[in-house]
Amino acid sequence: MRNFIRACLLLAASDDPQQLLQGQIKTLPTRFRLGELLRLNLNREPSPGNMLQMLDDKQQVVATVRVEDHDDKGTLASIATIINPNISLTLAMRVTGQRG
């Protein structure tokens, strides 16, 4: 249902739902601070420089990450902005964004 709602919102905004990137955190960074690297498991290959939103279990944006690279182990990204610095990162968090 969550994917359907996102796809409807993108379609309503005249964007292509096929461009929606989503996934979860595969490995956590050592610290939750700017520039730290983490690995993501996404539904499709992103472009380097692509910005994604990191969502907590309440679907609130807690940070943004920038795609650095993609290889056979997944997507490597760095923390670009921190919106909620008091949250603890977990592997249950989701990432989402538009493929650039």
PDB file of N, CA and C in Angstrom:
ATOM      1  N   MET A   1       0.818  -1.183   0.000  1.00  0.00           N
ATOM      2  CA  MET A   1       0.000   0.000   0.000  1.00  0.00           C
ATOM      3  C   MET A   1       0.873   1.262   0.000  1.00  0.00           C
ATOM      4  N   ARG A   2       1.978   1.214   0.749  1.00  0.00           N
ATOM      5  CA  ARG A   2       2.880   2.365   0.824  1.00  0.00           C
ATOM      6  C   ARG A   2       3.424   2.714  -0.556  1.00  0.00           C
ATOM      7  N   ASN A   3       3.829   1.710  -1.335  1.00  0.00           N
ATOM      8  CA  ASN A   3       4.363   1.954  -2.679  1.00  0.00           C
ATOM      9  C   ASN A   3       3.291   2.524  -3.596  1.00  0.00           C
ATOM     10  N   PHE A   4       2.074   2.048  -3.444  1.00  0.00           N
ATOM     11  CA  PHE A   4       0.973   2.537  -4.267  1.00  0.00           C
ATOM     12  C   PHE A   4       0.732   4.019  -4.009  1.00  0.00           C
ATOM     13  N   ILE A   5       0.730   4.424  -2.751  1.00  0.00           N
ATOM     14  CA  ILE A   5       0.502   5.833  -2.403  1.00  0.00           C
ATOM     15  C   ILE A   5       1.620   6.704  -2.957  1.00  0.00           C
ATOM     16  N   ARG A   6       2.873   6.257  -2.819  1.00  0.00           N
ATOM     17  CA  ARG A   6       3.999   7.023  -3.357  1.00  0.00           C
ATOM     18  C   ARG A   6       3.899   7.150  -4.869  1.00  0.00           C
ATOM     19  N   ALA A   7       3.548   6.060  -5.529  1.00  0.00           N
ATOM     20  CA  ALA A   7       3.426   6.095  -6.981  1.00  0.00           C
ATOM     21  C   ALA A   7       2.315   7.051  -7.410  1.00  0.00           C
ATOM     22  N   CYS A   8       1.209   7.061  -6.671  1.00  0.00           N
ATOM     23  CA  CYS A   8       0.105   7.977  -6.988  1.00  0.00           C
ATOM     24  C   CYS A   8       0.533   9.427  -6.797  1.00  0.00           C
ATOM     25  N   LEU A   9       1.284   9.697  -5.743  1.00  0.00           N
ATOM     26  CA  LEU A   9       1.752  11.058  -5.508  1.00  0.00           C
ATOM     27  C   LEU A   9       2.706  11.516  -6.609  1.00  0.00           C
ATOM     28  N   LEU A  10       3.610  10.635  -7.033  1.00  0.00           N
ATOM     29  CA  LEU A  10       4.525  10.987  -8.115  1.00  0.00           C
ATOM     30  C   LEU A  10       3.774  11.219  -9.417  1.00  0.00           C
ATOM     31  N   LEU A  11       2.813  10.367  -9.697  1.00  0.00           N
ATOM     32  CA  LEU A  11       2.020  10.515 -10.913  1.00  0.00           C
ATOM     33  C   LEU A  11       1.232  11.825 -10.884  1.00  0.00           C
ATOM     34  N   ALA A  12       0.674  12.152  -9.731  1.00  0.00           N
ATOM     35  CA  ALA A  12      -0.079  13.397  -9.603  1.00  0.00           C
ATOM     36  C   ALA A  12       0.816  14.620  -9.785  1.00  0.00           C
ATOM     37  N   ALA A  13       2.068  14.484  -9.438  1.00  0.00           N
ATOM     38  CA  ALA A  13       3.022  15.595  -9.590  1.00  0.00           C
ATOM     39  C   ALA A  13       3.688  15.559 -10.966  1.00  0.00           C
ATOM     40  N   SER A  14       3.137  14.766 -11.881  1.00  0.00           N
ATOM     41  CA  SER A  14       3.625  14.630 -13.255  1.00  0.00           C
ATOM     42  C   SER A  14       5.017  14.018 -13.341  1.00  0.00           C
ATOM     43  N   ASP A  15       5.382  13.200 -12.390  1.00  0.00           N
ATOM     44  CA  ASP A  15       6.646  12.477 -12.432  1.00  0.00           C
ATOM     45  C   ASP A  15       6.373  11.018 -12.773  1.00  0.00           C
ATOM     46  N   ASP A  16       7.405  10.331 -13.173  1.00  0.00           N
ATOM     47  CA  ASP A  16       7.290   8.937 -13.568  1.00  0.00           C
ATOM     48  C   ASP A  16       7.466   8.023 -12.355  1.00  0.00           C
ATOM     49  N   PRO A  17       6.447   7.233 -11.991  1.00  0.00           N
ATOM     50  CA  PRO A  17       6.563   6.328 -10.847  1.00  0.00           C
ATOM     51  C   PRO A  17       7.690   5.297 -11.011  1.00  0.00           C
ATOM     52  N   GLN A  18       8.098   5.025 -12.244  1.00  0.00           N
ATOM     53  CA  GLN A  18       9.189   4.077 -12.474  1.00  0.00           C
ATOM     54  C   GLN A  18      10.528   4.630 -11.995  1.00  0.00           C
ATOM     55  N   GLN A  19      10.587   5.929 -11.743  1.00  0.00           N
ATOM     56  CA  GLN A  19      11.816   6.560 -11.289  1.00  0.00           C
ATOM     57  C   GLN A  19      11.983   6.492  -9.774  1.00  0.00           C
ATOM     58  N   LEU A  20      10.993   5.971  -9.056  1.00  0.00           N
ATOM     59  CA  LEU A  20      11.034   5.910  -7.603  1.00  0.00           C
ATOM     60  C   LEU A  20      12.069   4.902  -7.133  1.00  0.00           C
ATOM     61  N   LEU A  21      13.005   5.373  -6.335  1.00  0.00           N
ATOM     62  CA  LEU A  21      13.997   4.517  -5.697  1.00  0.00           C
ATOM     63  C   LEU A  21      13.556   4.273  -4.268  1.00  0.00           C
ATOM     64  N   GLN A  22      13.694   3.048  -3.806  1.00  0.00           N
ATOM     65  CA  GLN A  22      13.376   2.751  -2.417  1.00  0.00           C
ATOM     66  C   GLN A  22      14.156   1.539  -1.967  1.00  0.00           C
ATOM     67  N   GLY A  23      14.364   1.459  -0.691  1.00  0.00           N
ATOM     68  CA  GLY A  23      15.090   0.335  -0.136  1.00  0.00           C
ATOM     69  C   GLY A  23      15.343   0.534   1.337  1.00  0.00           C
ATOM     70  N   GLN A  24      16.343  -0.171   1.833  1.00  0.00           N
ATOM     71  CA  GLN A  24      16.659  -0.075   3.250  1.00  0.00           C
ATOM     72  C   GLN A  24      18.153  -0.032   3.465  1.00  0.00           C
ATOM     73  N   ILE A  25      18.532   0.283   4.689  1.00  0.00           N
ATOM     74  CA  ILE A  25      19.936   0.349   5.050  1.00  0.00           C
ATOM     75  C   ILE A  25      20.469  -1.064   5.207  1.00  0.00           C
ATOM     76  N   LYS A  26      21.596  -1.338   4.582  1.00  0.00           N
ATOM     77  CA  LYS A  26      22.216  -2.660   4.637  1.00  0.00           C
ATOM     78  C   LYS A  26      23.302  -2.707   5.719  1.00  0.00           C
ATOM     79  N   THR A  27      24.103  -1.647   5.827  1.00  0.00           N
ATOM     80  CA  THR A  27      25.108  -1.536   6.887  1.00  0.00           C
ATOM     81  C   THR A  27      25.053  -0.136   7.472  1.00  0.00           C
ATOM     82  N   LEU A  28      25.184  -0.058   8.777  1.00  0.00           N
ATOM     83  CA  LEU A  28      25.119   1.231   9.479  1.00  0.00           C
ATOM     84  C   LEU A  28      26.487   1.891   9.532  1.00  0.00           C
ATOM     85  N   PRO A  29      26.521   3.216   9.547  1.00  0.00           N
ATOM     86  CA  PRO A  29      27.793   3.916   9.739  1.00  0.00           C
ATOM     87  C   PRO A  29      28.228   3.786  11.204  1.00  0.00           C
ATOM     88  N   THR A  30      29.497   4.061  11.472  1.00  0.00           N
ATOM     89  CA  THR A  30      29.979   3.978  12.849  1.00  0.00           C
ATOM     90  C   THR A  30      29.357   5.056  13.722  1.00  0.00           C
ATOM     91  N   ARG A  31      29.111   6.228  13.142  1.00  0.00           N
ATOM     92  CA  ARG A  31      28.477   7.340  13.852  1.00  0.00           C
ATOM     93  C   ARG A  31      27.438   7.995  12.948  1.00  0.00           C
ATOM     94  N   PHE A  32      26.466   8.613  13.567  1.00  0.00           N
ATOM     95  CA  PHE A  32      25.436   9.326  12.818  1.00  0.00           C
ATOM     96  C   PHE A  32      25.867  10.781  12.706  1.00  0.00           C
ATOM     97  N   ARG A  33      26.708  11.056  11.694  1.00  0.00           N
ATOM     98  CA  ARG A  33      27.187  12.417  11.463  1.00  0.00           C
ATOM     99  C   ARG A  33      27.413  12.628   9.963  1.00  0.00           C
ATOM    100  N   LEU A  34      27.534  13.883   9.573  1.00  0.00           N
ATOM    101  CA  LEU A  34      27.700  14.229   8.164  1.00  0.00           C
ATOM    102  C   LEU A  34      28.930  13.546   7.571  1.00  0.00           C
ATOM    103  N   GLY A  35      28.777  13.050   6.360  1.00  0.00           N
ATOM    104  CA  GLY A  35      29.880  12.441   5.633  1.00  0.00           C
ATOM    105  C   GLY A  35      30.093  10.968   5.902  1.00  0.00           C
ATOM    106  N   GLU A  36      29.474  10.421   6.939  1.00  0.00           N
ATOM    107  CA  GLU A  36      29.645   8.999   7.238  1.00  0.00           C
ATOM    108  C   GLU A  36      29.033   8.150   6.124  1.00  0.00           C
ATOM    109  N   LEU A  37      29.681   7.036   5.838  1.00  0.00           N
ATOM    110  CA  LEU A  37      29.229   6.158   4.758  1.00  0.00           C
ATOM    111  C   LEU A  37      28.351   5.032   5.281  1.00  0.00           C
ATOM    112  N   LEU A  38      27.377   4.652   4.470  1.00  0.00           N
ATOM    113  CA  LEU A  38      26.539   3.509   4.757  1.00  0.00           C
ATOM    114  C   LEU A  38      26.211   2.814   3.450  1.00  0.00           C
ATOM    115  N   ARG A  39      25.864   1.555   3.553  1.00  0.00           N
ATOM    116  CA  ARG A  39      25.514   0.791   2.359  1.00  0.00           C
ATOM    117  C   ARG A  39      24.012   0.552   2.355  1.00  0.00           C
ATOM    118  N   LEU A  40      23.426   0.703   1.156  1.00  0.00           N
ATOM    119  CA  LEU A  40      21.984   0.578   0.980  1.00  0.00           C
ATOM    120  C   LEU A  40      21.643  -0.566   0.048  1.00  0.00           C
ATOM    121  N   ASN A  41      20.485  -1.125   0.231  1.00  0.00           N
ATOM    122  CA  ASN A  41      19.939  -2.135  -0.664  1.00  0.00           C
ATOM    123  C   ASN A  41      18.722  -1.503  -1.326  1.00  0.00           C
ATOM    124  N   LEU A  42      18.844  -1.130  -2.612  1.00  0.00           N
ATOM    125  CA  LEU A  42      17.785  -0.411  -3.324  1.00  0.00           C
ATOM    126  C   LEU A  42      17.123  -1.283  -4.378  1.00  0.00           C
ATOM    127  N   ASN A  43      15.936  -0.880  -4.811  1.00  0.00           N
ATOM    128  CA  ASN A  43      15.187  -1.636  -5.806  1.00  0.00           C
ATOM    129  C   ASN A  43      15.727  -1.482  -7.225  1.00  0.00           C
ATOM    130  N   ARG A  44      16.547  -0.452  -7.470  1.00  0.00           N
ATOM    131  CA  ARG A  44      17.177  -0.273  -8.782  1.00  0.00           C
ATOM    132  C   ARG A  44      18.453   0.528  -8.611  1.00  0.00           C
ATOM    133  N   GLU A  45      19.273   0.512  -9.626  1.00  0.00           N
ATOM    134  CA  GLU A  45      20.563   1.199  -9.555  1.00  0.00           C
ATOM    135  C   GLU A  45      20.388   2.714  -9.647  1.00  0.00           C
ATOM    136  N   PRO A  46      20.925   3.458  -8.667  1.00  0.00           N
ATOM    137  CA  PRO A  46      20.816   4.913  -8.689  1.00  0.00           C
ATOM    138  C   PRO A  46      21.995   5.552  -9.418  1.00  0.00           C
ATOM    139  N   SER A  47      21.852   6.818  -9.728  1.00  0.00           N
ATOM    140  CA  SER A  47      22.943   7.592 -10.317  1.00  0.00           C
ATOM    141  C   SER A  47      23.777   8.200  -9.193  1.00  0.00           C
ATOM    142  N   PRO A  48      25.103   8.265  -9.355  1.00  0.00           N
ATOM    143  CA  PRO A  48      25.928   8.940  -8.350  1.00  0.00           C
ATOM    144  C   PRO A  48      25.476  10.392  -8.182  1.00  0.00           C
ATOM    145  N   GLY A  49      25.447  10.862  -6.944  1.00  0.00           N
ATOM    146  CA  GLY A  49      24.997  12.206  -6.639  1.00  0.00           C
ATOM    147  C   GLY A  49      23.515  12.293  -6.324  1.00  0.00           C
ATOM    148  N   ASN A  50      22.788  11.224  -6.586  1.00  0.00           N
ATOM    149  CA  ASN A  50      21.357  11.192  -6.304  1.00  0.00           C
ATOM    150  C   ASN A  50      21.112  11.367  -4.801  1.00  0.00           C
ATOM    151  N   MET A  51      20.128  12.183  -4.439  1.00  0.00           N
ATOM    152  CA  MET A  51      19.789  12.412  -3.039  1.00  0.00           C
ATOM    153  C   MET A  51      18.576  11.571  -2.658  1.00  0.00           C
ATOM    154  N   LEU A  52      18.668  10.910  -1.503  1.00  0.00           N
ATOM    155  CA  LEU A  52      17.589  10.077  -0.995  1.00  0.00           C
ATOM    156  C   LEU A  52      17.232  10.513   0.421  1.00  0.00           C
ATOM    157  N   GLN A  53      15.998  10.290   0.810  1.00  0.00           N
ATOM    158  CA  GLN A  53      15.556  10.601   2.164  1.00  0.00           C
ATOM    159  C   GLN A  53      15.593   9.337   3.012  1.00  0.00           C
ATOM    160  N   MET A  54      16.048   9.469   4.250  1.00  0.00           N
ATOM    161  CA  MET A  54      16.062   8.360   5.200  1.00  0.00           C
ATOM    162  C   MET A  54      14.865   8.532   6.133  1.00  0.00           C
ATOM    163  N   LEU A  55      14.030   7.496   6.216  1.00  0.00           N
ATOM    164  CA  LEU A  55      12.790   7.556   6.985  1.00  0.00           C
ATOM    165  C   LEU A  55      12.854   6.635   8.190  1.00  0.00           C
ATOM    166  N   ASP A  56      12.302   7.092   9.326  1.00  0.00           N
ATOM    167  CA  ASP A  56      12.224   6.229  10.499  1.00  0.00           C
ATOM    168  C   ASP A  56      10.972   5.364  10.410  1.00  0.00           C
ATOM    169  N   ASP A  57      10.677   4.612  11.481  1.00  0.00           N
ATOM    170  CA  ASP A  57       9.523   3.710  11.452  1.00  0.00           C
ATOM    171  C   ASP A  57       8.181   4.438  11.416  1.00  0.00           C
ATOM    172  N   LYS A  58       8.182   5.751  11.700  1.00  0.00           N
ATOM    173  CA  LYS A  58       6.955   6.556  11.612  1.00  0.00           C
ATOM    174  C   LYS A  58       6.853   7.280  10.272  1.00  0.00           C
ATOM    175  N   GLN A  59       7.745   6.941   9.338  1.00  0.00           N
ATOM    176  CA  GLN A  59       7.790   7.539   8.004  1.00  0.00           C
ATOM    177  C   GLN A  59       8.142   9.023   8.045  1.00  0.00           C
ATOM    178  N   GLN A  60       8.887   9.432   9.066  1.00  0.00           N
ATOM    179  CA  GLN A  60       9.365  10.801   9.162  1.00  0.00           C
ATOM    180  C   GLN A  60      10.794  10.868   8.655  1.00  0.00           C
ATOM    181  N   VAL A  61      11.111  11.914   7.913  1.00  0.00           N
ATOM    182  CA  VAL A  61      12.459  12.070   7.373  1.00  0.00           C
ATOM    183  C   VAL A  61      13.398  12.449   8.514  1.00  0.00           C
ATOM    184  N   VAL A  62      14.460  11.663   8.686  1.00  0.00           N
ATOM    185  CA  VAL A  62      15.438  11.934   9.749  1.00  0.00           C
ATOM    186  C   VAL A  62      16.767  12.424   9.184  1.00  0.00           C
ATOM    187  N   ALA A  63      17.014  12.155   7.890  1.00  0.00           N
ATOM    188  CA  ALA A  63      18.265  12.569   7.250  1.00  0.00           C
ATOM    189  C   ALA A  63      18.125  12.428   5.748  1.00  0.00           C
ATOM    190  N   THR A  64      19.096  12.997   5.030  1.00  0.00           N
ATOM    191  CA  THR A  64      19.210  12.743   3.600  1.00  0.00           C
ATOM    192  C   THR A  64      20.586  12.138   3.351  1.00  0.00           C
ATOM    193  N   VAL A  65      20.662  11.297   2.339  1.00  0.00           N
ATOM    194  CA  VAL A  65      21.927  10.671   1.966  1.00  0.00           C
ATOM    195  C   VAL A  65      22.190  10.910   0.493  1.00  0.00           C
ATOM    196  N   ARG A  66      23.470  10.971   0.133  1.00  0.00           N
ATOM    197  CA  ARG A  66      23.890  11.189  -1.250  1.00  0.00           C
ATOM    198  C   ARG A  66      24.531   9.898  -1.760  1.00  0.00           C
ATOM    199  N   VAL A  67      24.085   9.443  -2.908  1.00  0.00           N
ATOM    200  CA  VAL A  67      24.655   8.238  -3.519  1.00  0.00           C
ATOM    201  C   VAL A  67      26.071   8.533  -3.983  1.00  0.00           C
ATOM    202  N   GLU A  68      27.009   7.710  -3.557  1.00  0.00           N
ATOM    203  CA  GLU A  68      28.408   7.855  -3.945  1.00  0.00           C
ATOM    204  C   GLU A  68      28.787   6.884  -5.061  1.00  0.00           C
ATOM    205  N   ASP A  69      28.330   5.631  -4.930  1.00  0.00           N
ATOM    206  CA  ASP A  69      28.725   4.593  -5.884  1.00  0.00           C
ATOM    207  C   ASP A  69      27.737   3.441  -5.789  1.00  0.00           C
ATOM    208  N   HIS A  70      27.761   2.585  -6.791  1.00  0.00           N
ATOM    209  CA  HIS A  70      26.928   1.379  -6.798  1.00  0.00           C
ATOM    210  C   HIS A  70      27.766   0.230  -7.350  1.00  0.00           C
ATOM    211  N   ASP A  71      27.742  -0.901  -6.656  1.00  0.00           N
ATOM    212  CA  ASP A  71      28.464  -2.079  -7.134  1.00  0.00           C
ATOM    213  C   ASP A  71      27.650  -3.330  -6.813  1.00  0.00           C
ATOM    214  N   ASP A  72      28.259  -4.500  -6.964  1.00  0.00           N
ATOM    215  CA  ASP A  72      27.533  -5.745  -6.740  1.00  0.00           C
ATOM    216  C   ASP A  72      27.160  -5.962  -5.275  1.00  0.00           C
ATOM    217  N   LYS A  73      27.719  -5.187  -4.350  1.00  0.00           N
ATOM    218  CA  LYS A  73      27.393  -5.297  -2.921  1.00  0.00           C
ATOM    219  C   LYS A  73      26.266  -4.356  -2.512  1.00  0.00           C
ATOM    220  N   GLY A  74      25.833  -3.502  -3.415  1.00  0.00           N
ATOM    221  CA  GLY A  74      24.774  -2.549  -3.114  1.00  0.00           C
ATOM    222  C   GLY A  74      25.194  -1.134  -3.448  1.00  0.00           C
ATOM    223  N   THR A  75      24.517  -0.191  -2.834  1.00  0.00           N
ATOM    224  CA  THR A  75      24.765   1.224  -3.077  1.00  0.00           C
ATOM    225  C   THR A  75      25.494   1.830  -1.893  1.00  0.00           C
ATOM    226  N   LEU A  76      26.560   2.549  -2.175  1.00  0.00           N
ATOM    227  CA  LEU A  76      27.315   3.253  -1.146  1.00  0.00           C
ATOM    228  C   LEU A  76      26.831   4.698  -1.121  1.00  0.00           C
ATOM    229  N   ALA A  77      26.467   5.183   0.067  1.00  0.00           N
ATOM    230  CA  ALA A  77      25.947   6.545   0.204  1.00  0.00           C
ATOM    231  C   ALA A  77      26.571   7.205   1.423  1.00  0.00           C
ATOM    232  N   SER A  78      26.566   8.535   1.417  1.00  0.00           N
ATOM    233  CA  SER A  78      27.069   9.294   2.564  1.00  0.00           C
ATOM    234  C   SER A  78      25.945  10.153   3.125  1.00  0.00           C
ATOM    235  N   ILE A  79      26.008  10.407   4.420  1.00  0.00           N
ATOM    236  CA  ILE A  79      25.001  11.237   5.067  1.00  0.00           C
ATOM    237  C   ILE A  79      25.241  12.689   4.652  1.00  0.00           C
ATOM    238  N   ALA A  80      24.226  13.305   4.037  1.00  0.00           N
ATOM    239  CA  ALA A  80      24.357  14.669   3.517  1.00  0.00           C
ATOM    240  C   ALA A  80      23.792  15.704   4.487  1.00  0.00           C
ATOM    241  N   THR A  81      22.637  15.422   5.058  1.00  0.00           N
ATOM    242  CA  THR A  81      22.049  16.314   6.062  1.00  0.00           C
ATOM    243  C   THR A  81      21.421  15.471   7.157  1.00  0.00           C
ATOM    244  N   ILE A  82      21.419  16.016   8.356  1.00  0.00           N
ATOM    245  CA  ILE A  82      20.783  15.354   9.493  1.00  0.00           C
ATOM    246  C   ILE A  82      19.658  16.247   9.975  1.00  0.00           C
ATOM    247  N   ILE A  83      18.452  15.740   9.926  1.00  0.00           N
ATOM    248  CA  ILE A  83      17.283  16.508  10.331  1.00  0.00           C
ATOM    249  C   ILE A  83      16.951  16.247  11.801  1.00  0.00           C
ATOM    250  N   ASN A  84      17.096  15.005  12.233  1.00  0.00           N
ATOM    251  CA  ASN A  84      16.833  14.638  13.623  1.00  0.00           C
ATOM    252  C   ASN A  84      18.075  13.952  14.197  1.00  0.00           C
ATOM    253  N   PRO A  85      18.982  14.711  14.844  1.00  0.00           N
ATOM    254  CA  PRO A  85      20.230  14.134  15.337  1.00  0.00           C
ATOM    255  C   PRO A  85      20.055  13.247  16.565  1.00  0.00           C
ATOM    256  N   ASN A  86      18.885  13.253  17.191  1.00  0.00           N
ATOM    257  CA  ASN A  86      18.665  12.474  18.407  1.00  0.00           C
ATOM    258  C   ASN A  86      18.182  11.058  18.147  1.00  0.00           C
ATOM    259  N   ILE A  87      18.033  10.683  16.910  1.00  0.00           N
ATOM    260  CA  ILE A  87      17.531   9.351  16.571  1.00  0.00           C
ATOM    261  C   ILE A  87      18.683   8.371  16.437  1.00  0.00           C
ATOM    262  N   SER A  88      18.435   7.130  16.772  1.00  0.00           N
ATOM    263  CA  SER A  88      19.428   6.074  16.582  1.00  0.00           C
ATOM    264  C   SER A  88      19.131   5.353  15.272  1.00  0.00           C
ATOM    265  N   LEU A  89      20.141   5.222  14.435  1.00  0.00           N
ATOM    266  CA  LEU A  89      19.955   4.527  13.163  1.00  0.00           C
ATOM    267  C   LEU A  89      19.763   3.036  13.403  1.00  0.00           C
ATOM    268  N   THR A  90      18.866   2.446  12.623  1.00  0.00           N
ATOM    269  CA  THR A  90      18.632   1.004  12.683  1.00  0.00           C
ATOM    270  C   THR A  90      18.548   0.466  11.262  1.00  0.00           C
ATOM    271  N   LEU A  91      18.722  -0.831  11.137  1.00  0.00           N
ATOM    272  CA  LEU A  91      18.615  -1.465   9.822  1.00  0.00           C
ATOM    273  C   LEU A  91      17.177  -1.507   9.326  1.00  0.00           C
ATOM    274  N   ALA A  92      16.220  -1.194  10.182  1.00  0.00           N
ATOM    275  CA  ALA A  92      14.811  -1.184   9.781  1.00  0.00           C
ATOM    276  C   ALA A  92      14.421   0.106   9.061  1.00  0.00           C
ATOM    277  N   MET A  93      15.291   1.113   9.086  1.00  0.00           N
ATOM    278  CA  MET A  93      14.980   2.381   8.430  1.00  0.00           C
ATOM    279  C   MET A  93      14.951   2.189   6.913  1.00  0.00           C
ATOM    280  N   ARG A  94      14.135   3.024   6.263  1.00  0.00           N
ATOM    281  CA  ARG A  94      13.971   2.959   4.824  1.00  0.00           C
ATOM    282  C   ARG A  94      14.564   4.197   4.181  1.00  0.00           C
ATOM    283  N   VAL A  95      14.918   4.058   2.939  1.00  0.00           N
ATOM    284  CA  VAL A  95      15.369   5.204   2.139  1.00  0.00           C
ATOM    285  C   VAL A  95      14.494   5.263   0.888  1.00  0.00           C
ATOM    286  N   THR A  96      14.239   6.482   0.437  1.00  0.00           N
ATOM    287  CA  THR A  96      13.412   6.650  -0.742  1.00  0.00           C
ATOM    288  C   THR A  96      13.798   7.947  -1.449  1.00  0.00           C
ATOM    289  N   GLY A  97      13.534   7.996  -2.710  1.00  0.00           N
ATOM    290  CA  GLY A  97      13.832   9.187  -3.496  1.00  0.00           C
ATOM    291  C   GLY A  97      13.537   8.941  -4.953  1.00  0.00           C
ATOM    292  N   GLN A  98      13.864   9.907  -5.744  1.00  0.00           N
ATOM    293  CA  GLN A  98      13.616   9.814  -7.169  1.00  0.00           C
ATOM    294  C   GLN A  98      14.922   9.571  -7.891  1.00  0.00           C
ATOM    295  N   ARG A  99      14.898   8.675  -8.835  1.00  0.00           N
ATOM    296  CA  ARG A  99      16.101   8.361  -9.615  1.00  0.00           C
ATOM    297  C   ARG A  99      16.411   9.524 -10.533  1.00  0.00           C
ATOM    298  N   GLY A 100      17.660  10.001 -10.423  1.00  0.00           N
ATOM    299  CA  GLY A 100      18.058  11.149 -11.241  1.00  0.00           C
ATOM    300  C   GLY A 100      18.798  10.780 -12.480  1.00  0.00           C
TER     301      GLY A 100
END
